[in-house]
Amino acid sequence: MRTEITTVEALREHRAAGQDLRDAVLVGLDLTGEDDLLRTALDGAVLLGCELSGKSRRKAEAAGALLFPDIPALPYRVYRTTLYTPAELFDGFDPARPESYADTPDARIYGHSKAQGRTPDPLHALAERLHDHSITSALGEVLAACGLPPVAVMGGHALKRDSPGYLAAMRLGAALGRAGFTVLTGGGPGAMEAVPYGVRMPDHIEELHADLAKAPKFGSDAAGIGQWLAAGLAPDLPDTEPLTIGIPTWFYGHEPPNPACHWHAKYFANSVREDGLLTVATAGVVYTPGSAGTVQEVFQDYTQNHYTSVGPAAPMVFLDKDFWTTDVPAAPLVQQLARGRDAEEWILVTDDVDEAVALLRKYSAT
């Protein structure tokens, strides 16, 4: 197992403990004045985006270390070691100037990715894949550190803040938070935003809903997104557990990430993002009404449960009976496929949030 080192301080501690750097992975370190730290065995070491003196570079190469240089002129860090915070993604945004959203890292990264077209050149394709690998690694570390079972909530981005469905999603988030789950969503607007607001402000849902309803949906340009964002940033959200983690994508970059989550694991590749979100939701998934994207996630999730390809079959909760059995009858098909299999026990179609949470808690207890 490789040892990953992401700060110079951690590297000093590693070396002070008498450890060499065989098979270590050093990520994004400025080592130009730290030649002494590299005076050890380096065979098998991997240096990702590290800055080295000429002397240390020659020594590392001669020792057989692998050096991956940083890629210049990108609006994002290729070798990240942490997830994004809303503050990082929206850095430079001025609520008094909604159009300033165009100057944020989130908007600039989306613009850069969109400019590459459907088939980026090899350099940019490689940069995006390396970035996404780093995000997956950072997400795993966050989930392991928080220790609470992760439940994902899926739902449509088009749900307006002034709608009864948005308020219902906030209440669902409050119930999941009170039950002690880490709550994951797709990280965008609509239901993906309402749920983390409910997790973080469970005792102020009605008043928060009324305030957010003043900017009910995001617009199609920077100013329209900025007005939506300004209202979303206005609440003073407590920085406490349970954690809420959004997993959005710049593939759908016209949908801004929400400001309600503690962290965002934002990807370039939507396929990696969708499969990854379902895979890390090891305590189950709750499906609120959505459109084609949500339905796609239903069957991606069930496929994992059907074949137990990523672990034991986990709960699939369809919240809103009429929607999932009549309007979009995905639930009966999933139930039919699950008959006689381990997954059957953990499929629930309900209108009752308490019943949904009870099933999730029962599963986590087993």
Protein backbone atom coordinates (compact mmCIF):
# COMPACT_ATOMS: atom_id res chain seq x y z
CA MET A 1 0.00 0.00 0.00
CA ARG A 2 1.48 3.35 -1.04
CA THR A 3 1.83 6.14 1.53
CA GLU A 4 0.32 9.39 0.26
CA ILE A 5 1.93 12.60 1.54
CA THR A 6 0.18 15.89 0.81
CA THR A 7 1.98 18.48 2.98
CA VAL A 8 5.60 19.34 3.61
CA GLU A 9 4.93 19.02 7.35
CA ALA A 10 3.74 15.45 6.89
CA LEU A 11 6.83 14.69 4.80
CA ARG A 12 9.07 16.02 7.58
CA GLU A 13 7.29 13.82 10.14
CA HIS A 14 7.60 10.83 7.82
CA ARG A 15 11.33 11.35 7.42
CA ALA A 16 11.88 12.15 11.11
CA ALA A 17 10.35 8.77 11.91
CA GLY A 18 13.14 7.15 9.89
CA GLN A 19 10.93 6.27 6.93
CA ASP A 20 12.29 6.36 3.37
CA LEU A 21 10.27 7.30 0.28
CA ARG A 22 10.12 3.94 -1.46
CA ASP A 23 6.65 3.63 -2.98
CA ALA A 24 5.52 6.93 -1.42
CA VAL A 25 3.27 9.32 -3.35
CA LEU A 26 4.04 13.02 -2.88
CA VAL A 27 1.28 15.34 -4.11
CA GLY A 28 1.64 19.03 -4.99
CA LEU A 29 4.55 19.81 -2.68
CA ASP A 30 6.96 22.73 -3.08
CA LEU A 31 10.29 21.04 -2.29
CA THR A 32 12.60 23.59 -3.88
CA GLY A 33 14.20 24.35 -0.53
CA GLU A 34 13.83 20.89 0.96
CA ASP A 35 16.63 18.86 -0.68
CA ASP A 36 17.46 17.18 2.63
CA LEU A 37 14.02 15.55 2.78
CA LEU A 38 14.75 13.73 -0.46
CA ARG A 39 18.13 12.31 0.61
CA THR A 40 16.82 8.78 1.00
CA ALA A 41 15.76 5.79 -1.07
CA LEU A 42 13.37 6.99 -3.81
CA ASP A 43 12.90 3.90 -5.96
CA GLY A 44 9.23 3.49 -6.70
CA ALA A 45 8.33 6.96 -5.41
CA VAL A 46 5.73 8.96 -7.35
CA LEU A 47 5.86 12.77 -7.34
CA LEU A 48 2.68 14.41 -8.65
CA GLY A 49 2.96 18.10 -9.51
CA CYS A 50 5.83 18.71 -7.07
CA GLU A 51 8.34 21.54 -7.45
CA LEU A 52 11.96 20.40 -7.11
CA SER A 53 15.40 21.92 -7.34
CA GLY A 54 17.47 20.78 -10.31
CA LYS A 55 19.65 18.69 -8.03
CA SER A 56 16.71 16.88 -6.42
CA ARG A 57 15.03 16.32 -9.76
CA ARG A 58 18.14 14.66 -11.19
CA LYS A 59 18.52 12.50 -8.07
CA ALA A 60 14.89 11.41 -8.12
CA GLU A 61 14.99 10.52 -11.81
CA ALA A 62 18.25 8.61 -11.40
CA ALA A 63 16.76 6.66 -8.47
CA GLY A 64 13.83 5.51 -10.59
CA ALA A 65 11.14 7.76 -9.13
CA LEU A 66 8.24 8.74 -11.40
CA LEU A 67 7.83 12.51 -11.80
CA PHE A 68 4.52 13.82 -13.13
CA PRO A 69 4.79 17.56 -13.83
CA ASP A 70 2.01 20.03 -13.20
CA ILE A 71 0.08 21.08 -16.30
CA PRO A 72 0.26 24.86 -16.81
CA ALA A 73 -2.42 27.32 -17.93
CA LEU A 74 -5.37 25.47 -16.38
CA PRO A 75 -8.02 27.13 -14.17
CA TYR A 76 -7.96 24.13 -11.80
CA ARG A 77 -5.42 22.03 -9.90
CA VAL A 78 -4.85 18.68 -11.54
CA TYR A 79 -3.46 16.95 -8.44
CA ARG A 80 -5.93 17.95 -5.73
CA THR A 81 -5.73 16.60 -2.19
CA THR A 82 -9.09 17.88 -0.90
CA LEU A 83 -12.68 18.26 -2.03
CA TYR A 84 -14.02 21.68 -2.98
CA THR A 85 -15.84 23.94 -0.54
CA PRO A 86 -18.56 26.32 -1.74
CA ALA A 87 -16.26 29.17 -0.66
CA GLU A 88 -13.57 27.92 -3.05
CA LEU A 89 -15.91 27.34 -5.98
CA PHE A 90 -17.59 30.73 -5.55
CA ASP A 91 -14.48 32.72 -4.64
CA GLY A 92 -14.78 36.28 -5.94
CA PHE A 93 -18.57 36.28 -6.05
CA ASP A 94 -20.18 39.52 -4.89
CA PRO A 95 -23.89 39.13 -3.97
CA ALA A 96 -24.40 42.81 -4.76
CA ARG A 97 -23.21 42.10 -8.32
CA PRO A 98 -24.89 38.85 -9.40
CA GLU A 99 -23.09 38.90 -12.74
CA SER A 100 -19.80 38.42 -10.83
CA TYR A 101 -20.58 34.68 -10.79
CA ALA A 102 -18.87 34.66 -14.20
CA ASP A 103 -15.57 35.43 -12.45
CA THR A 104 -15.71 32.54 -9.97
CA PRO A 105 -13.53 29.42 -10.27
CA ASP A 106 -16.67 27.33 -10.83
CA ALA A 107 -17.71 29.38 -13.87
CA ARG A 108 -14.17 29.67 -15.25
CA ILE A 109 -13.53 25.93 -15.00
CA TYR A 110 -16.83 25.20 -16.75
CA GLY A 111 -15.98 27.67 -19.51
CA HIS A 112 -12.56 26.10 -20.00
CA SER A 113 -13.98 22.57 -20.09
CA LYS A 114 -16.73 23.56 -22.52
CA ALA A 115 -14.17 25.17 -24.83
CA GLN A 116 -12.41 21.78 -25.21
CA GLY A 117 -15.48 20.36 -26.98
CA ARG A 118 -16.77 16.80 -26.83
CA THR A 119 -13.35 15.29 -27.55
CA PRO A 120 -10.64 17.22 -25.70
CA ASP A 121 -7.08 16.97 -26.97
CA PRO A 122 -4.95 14.35 -25.17
CA LEU A 123 -3.37 16.87 -22.78
CA HIS A 124 -6.67 18.26 -21.51
CA ALA A 125 -8.31 14.83 -21.45
CA LEU A 126 -5.45 13.54 -19.30
CA ALA A 127 -5.63 16.58 -17.00
CA GLU A 128 -9.36 16.09 -16.42
CA ARG A 129 -8.95 12.37 -15.69
CA LEU A 130 -6.12 13.00 -13.24
CA HIS A 131 -8.23 15.66 -11.53
CA ASP A 132 -11.19 13.29 -11.24
CA HIS A 133 -8.99 10.55 -9.79
CA SER A 134 -7.82 13.01 -7.14
CA ILE A 135 -11.43 13.91 -6.31
CA THR A 136 -12.35 10.24 -5.88
CA SER A 137 -9.41 9.75 -3.53
CA ALA A 138 -10.30 12.85 -1.48
CA LEU A 139 -13.96 11.79 -1.27
CA GLY A 140 -12.96 8.40 0.10
CA GLU A 141 -10.83 10.05 2.78
CA VAL A 142 -13.64 12.39 3.87
CA LEU A 143 -16.18 9.57 4.10
CA ALA A 144 -13.75 7.37 6.06
CA ALA A 145 -12.95 10.19 8.48
CA CYS A 146 -16.52 11.22 9.28
CA GLY A 147 -17.55 7.69 10.27
CA LEU A 148 -21.33 8.13 9.78
CA PRO A 149 -23.16 5.85 7.30
CA PRO A 150 -23.61 7.60 3.92
CA VAL A 151 -27.07 7.85 2.37
CA ALA A 152 -27.65 9.47 -1.03
CA VAL A 153 -30.75 11.39 -2.07
CA MET A 154 -31.54 11.64 -5.77
CA GLY A 155 -33.97 14.07 -7.36
CA GLY A 156 -34.53 16.59 -10.11
CA HIS A 157 -32.60 19.84 -10.60
CA ALA A 158 -35.71 21.67 -11.85
CA LEU A 159 -37.50 21.66 -8.48
CA LYS A 160 -38.11 25.34 -7.61
CA ARG A 161 -37.33 26.75 -4.22
CA ASP A 162 -40.87 28.10 -3.81
CA SER A 163 -42.52 24.70 -4.42
CA PRO A 164 -44.08 22.29 -1.89
CA GLY A 165 -41.72 19.60 -3.22
CA TYR A 166 -38.68 21.68 -2.24
CA LEU A 167 -40.04 22.08 1.29
CA ALA A 168 -40.69 18.33 1.46
CA ALA A 169 -37.08 17.66 0.39
CA MET A 170 -35.82 19.99 3.14
CA ARG A 171 -37.84 17.99 5.68
CA LEU A 172 -36.39 14.77 4.33
CA GLY A 173 -32.89 16.20 4.81
CA ALA A 174 -33.73 17.18 8.40
CA ALA A 175 -34.94 13.65 9.15
CA LEU A 176 -31.82 12.05 7.65
CA GLY A 177 -29.54 14.41 9.55
CA ARG A 178 -31.27 13.78 12.84
CA ALA A 179 -30.97 10.03 12.22
CA GLY A 180 -27.18 10.40 12.01
CA PHE A 181 -26.45 9.85 8.33
CA THR A 182 -23.86 11.52 6.16
CA VAL A 183 -26.06 12.88 3.36
CA LEU A 184 -24.94 12.85 -0.27
CA THR A 185 -26.70 14.47 -3.22
CA GLY A 186 -25.86 15.27 -6.83
CA GLY A 187 -24.74 18.69 -5.64
CA GLY A 188 -26.82 20.83 -7.95
CA PRO A 189 -29.99 22.91 -7.51
CA GLY A 190 -33.53 21.67 -6.84
CA ALA A 191 -33.90 18.62 -4.62
CA MET A 192 -30.10 18.29 -4.53
CA GLU A 193 -29.95 21.64 -2.69
CA ALA A 194 -33.10 21.37 -0.55
CA VAL A 195 -31.94 18.22 1.21
CA PRO A 196 -28.61 19.60 2.56
CA TYR A 197 -30.35 22.81 3.71
CA GLY A 198 -32.66 20.59 5.75
CA VAL A 199 -29.71 18.66 7.19
CA ARG A 200 -27.92 21.82 8.28
CA MET A 201 -30.87 23.90 9.54
CA PRO A 202 -33.47 21.35 10.70
CA ASP A 203 -35.08 23.72 13.22
CA HIS A 204 -35.55 26.64 10.79
CA ILE A 205 -36.94 24.98 7.68
CA GLU A 206 -40.10 27.05 7.18
CA GLU A 207 -38.41 30.44 7.53
CA LEU A 208 -35.44 29.33 5.40
CA HIS A 209 -37.82 28.07 2.73
CA ALA A 210 -39.59 31.43 2.67
CA ASP A 211 -36.30 33.30 2.27
CA LEU A 212 -34.99 31.03 -0.49
CA ALA A 213 -38.30 31.25 -2.37
CA LYS A 214 -37.48 34.87 -3.22
CA ALA A 215 -35.04 33.49 -5.84
CA PRO A 216 -36.91 30.34 -6.88
CA LYS A 217 -34.69 29.10 -9.72
CA PHE A 218 -31.31 29.66 -11.30
CA GLY A 219 -31.10 31.58 -14.56
CA SER A 220 -29.49 30.84 -17.89
CA ASP A 221 -26.73 33.47 -17.64
CA ALA A 222 -24.21 34.59 -15.02
CA ALA A 223 -26.53 37.24 -13.57
CA GLY A 224 -29.43 34.76 -13.29
CA ILE A 225 -27.24 32.19 -11.57
CA GLY A 226 -25.80 34.93 -9.35
CA GLN A 227 -29.22 36.02 -8.11
CA TRP A 228 -30.04 32.42 -7.21
CA LEU A 229 -26.63 32.01 -5.57
CA ALA A 230 -26.85 35.23 -3.55
CA ALA A 231 -30.07 34.07 -1.92
CA GLY A 232 -28.55 30.66 -1.23
CA LEU A 233 -25.45 32.12 0.41
CA ALA A 234 -27.44 34.45 2.70
CA PRO A 235 -28.25 31.92 5.48
CA ASP A 236 -25.62 31.50 8.18
CA LEU A 237 -25.21 27.74 7.94
CA PRO A 238 -23.75 25.97 11.01
CA ASP A 239 -20.54 24.09 10.27
CA THR A 240 -21.47 20.95 12.18
CA GLU A 241 -22.07 17.28 11.47
CA PRO A 242 -23.75 15.41 9.91
CA LEU A 243 -21.80 16.25 6.79
CA THR A 244 -23.53 17.02 3.53
CA ILE A 245 -21.52 16.27 0.39
CA GLY A 246 -22.51 17.27 -3.12
CA ILE A 247 -21.22 15.29 -6.09
CA PRO A 248 -21.84 17.52 -9.14
CA THR A 249 -20.21 17.69 -12.56
CA TRP A 250 -18.96 20.30 -14.99
CA PHE A 251 -20.49 18.11 -17.73
CA TYR A 252 -23.74 19.79 -16.63
CA GLY A 253 -21.96 23.00 -15.75
CA HIS A 254 -24.92 25.18 -16.68
CA GLU A 255 -26.43 23.83 -13.44
CA PRO A 256 -24.47 25.55 -10.66
CA PRO A 257 -23.42 23.60 -7.57
CA ASN A 258 -25.46 24.52 -4.53
CA PRO A 259 -24.09 26.56 -1.61
CA ALA A 260 -25.75 24.32 0.99
CA CYS A 261 -23.26 21.43 1.10
CA HIS A 262 -20.21 21.30 3.35
CA TRP A 263 -18.13 19.82 0.52
CA HIS A 264 -18.40 19.26 -3.22
CA ALA A 265 -16.72 16.37 -5.03
CA LYS A 266 -17.01 18.00 -8.44
CA TYR A 267 -16.04 15.96 -11.49
CA PHE A 268 -15.49 16.53 -15.18
CA ALA A 269 -16.67 13.04 -16.25
CA ASN A 270 -20.37 12.62 -15.54
CA SER A 271 -20.21 8.83 -15.92
CA VAL A 272 -17.56 8.60 -13.19
CA ARG A 273 -19.53 10.96 -11.00
CA GLU A 274 -22.85 9.11 -11.30
CA ASP A 275 -21.45 5.64 -10.76
CA GLY A 276 -19.23 6.90 -7.95
CA LEU A 277 -22.10 8.59 -6.12
CA LEU A 278 -24.15 5.41 -6.12
CA THR A 279 -21.14 3.30 -5.13
CA VAL A 280 -20.20 5.35 -2.05
CA ALA A 281 -23.82 5.51 -0.79
CA THR A 282 -23.31 2.25 1.07
CA ALA A 283 -26.19 2.90 3.51
CA GLY A 284 -28.78 3.30 0.77
CA VAL A 285 -30.36 5.69 -1.72
CA VAL A 286 -33.59 7.68 -1.47
CA TYR A 287 -35.28 8.59 -4.76
CA THR A 288 -37.46 11.70 -4.84
CA PRO A 289 -39.34 12.60 -8.05
CA GLY A 290 -37.07 13.46 -10.95
CA SER A 291 -36.70 13.15 -14.68
CA ALA A 292 -34.57 11.00 -17.00
CA GLY A 293 -31.35 11.47 -15.02
CA THR A 294 -32.95 10.25 -11.81
CA VAL A 295 -34.50 7.26 -13.58
CA GLN A 296 -31.11 6.38 -15.03
CA GLU A 297 -29.66 6.43 -11.52
CA VAL A 298 -32.43 4.11 -10.29
CA PHE A 299 -31.37 1.38 -12.68
CA GLN A 300 -27.63 1.99 -12.25
CA ASP A 301 -28.18 1.56 -8.53
CA TYR A 302 -30.32 -1.53 -8.92
CA THR A 303 -27.73 -3.14 -11.21
CA GLN A 304 -25.14 -2.79 -8.45
CA ASN A 305 -27.60 -4.33 -5.97
CA HIS A 306 -28.73 -7.08 -8.34
CA TYR A 307 -25.21 -8.38 -8.92
CA THR A 308 -23.80 -7.24 -5.53
CA SER A 309 -20.90 -5.89 -7.60
CA VAL A 310 -19.80 -3.28 -5.04
CA GLY A 311 -20.97 -4.93 -1.83
CA PRO A 312 -24.22 -6.18 -0.28
CA ALA A 313 -27.53 -5.00 -1.73
CA ALA A 314 -28.39 -1.66 -0.07
CA PRO A 315 -31.77 0.07 0.45
CA MET A 316 -33.58 1.71 -2.45
CA VAL A 317 -36.34 3.96 -1.12
CA PHE A 318 -38.86 5.43 -3.59
CA LEU A 319 -40.40 8.46 -1.89
CA ASP A 320 -43.79 9.44 -3.45
CA LYS A 321 -45.87 6.37 -4.28
CA ASP A 322 -47.98 7.94 -7.03
CA PHE A 323 -44.96 9.28 -8.87
CA TRP A 324 -42.88 6.09 -8.77
CA THR A 325 -45.75 3.64 -9.43
CA THR A 326 -47.96 5.61 -11.83
CA ASP A 327 -46.32 8.73 -13.28
CA VAL A 328 -42.90 7.11 -13.77
CA PRO A 329 -43.44 3.43 -12.85
CA ALA A 330 -39.81 2.54 -12.21
CA ALA A 331 -40.44 1.10 -8.74
CA PRO A 332 -42.62 -1.86 -9.82
CA LEU A 333 -40.01 -2.91 -12.39
CA VAL A 334 -37.23 -2.79 -9.79
CA GLN A 335 -39.40 -4.81 -7.39
CA GLN A 336 -40.07 -7.39 -10.11
CA LEU A 337 -36.36 -7.74 -10.89
CA ALA A 338 -35.54 -8.13 -7.20
CA ARG A 339 -37.96 -10.96 -6.43
CA GLY A 340 -36.21 -13.82 -4.67
CA ARG A 341 -32.94 -11.89 -4.36
CA ASP A 342 -31.23 -10.26 -1.38
CA ALA A 343 -32.18 -6.83 -2.72
CA GLU A 344 -35.92 -7.52 -2.36
CA GLU A 345 -35.93 -6.94 1.41
CA TRP A 346 -34.44 -3.47 1.04
CA ILE A 347 -36.77 -1.92 -1.55
CA LEU A 348 -39.45 0.42 -0.18
CA VAL A 349 -42.10 2.53 -1.92
CA THR A 350 -43.62 5.02 0.51
CA ASP A 351 -44.99 8.51 1.16
CA ASP A 352 -43.79 8.43 4.77
CA VAL A 353 -40.37 9.95 5.55
CA ASP A 354 -40.30 8.28 8.97
CA GLU A 355 -40.86 4.87 7.36
CA ALA A 356 -38.06 5.59 4.90
CA VAL A 357 -35.63 6.59 7.64
CA ALA A 358 -36.59 3.54 9.72
CA LEU A 359 -35.63 1.19 6.87
CA LEU A 360 -32.30 2.96 6.41
CA ARG A 361 -31.55 2.74 10.14
CA LYS A 362 -32.49 -0.93 10.21
CA TYR A 363 -30.07 -1.63 7.34
CA SER A 364 -27.23 0.30 9.00
CA ALA A 365 -27.80 -1.62 12.22
CA THR A 366 -27.25 -4.90 10.38
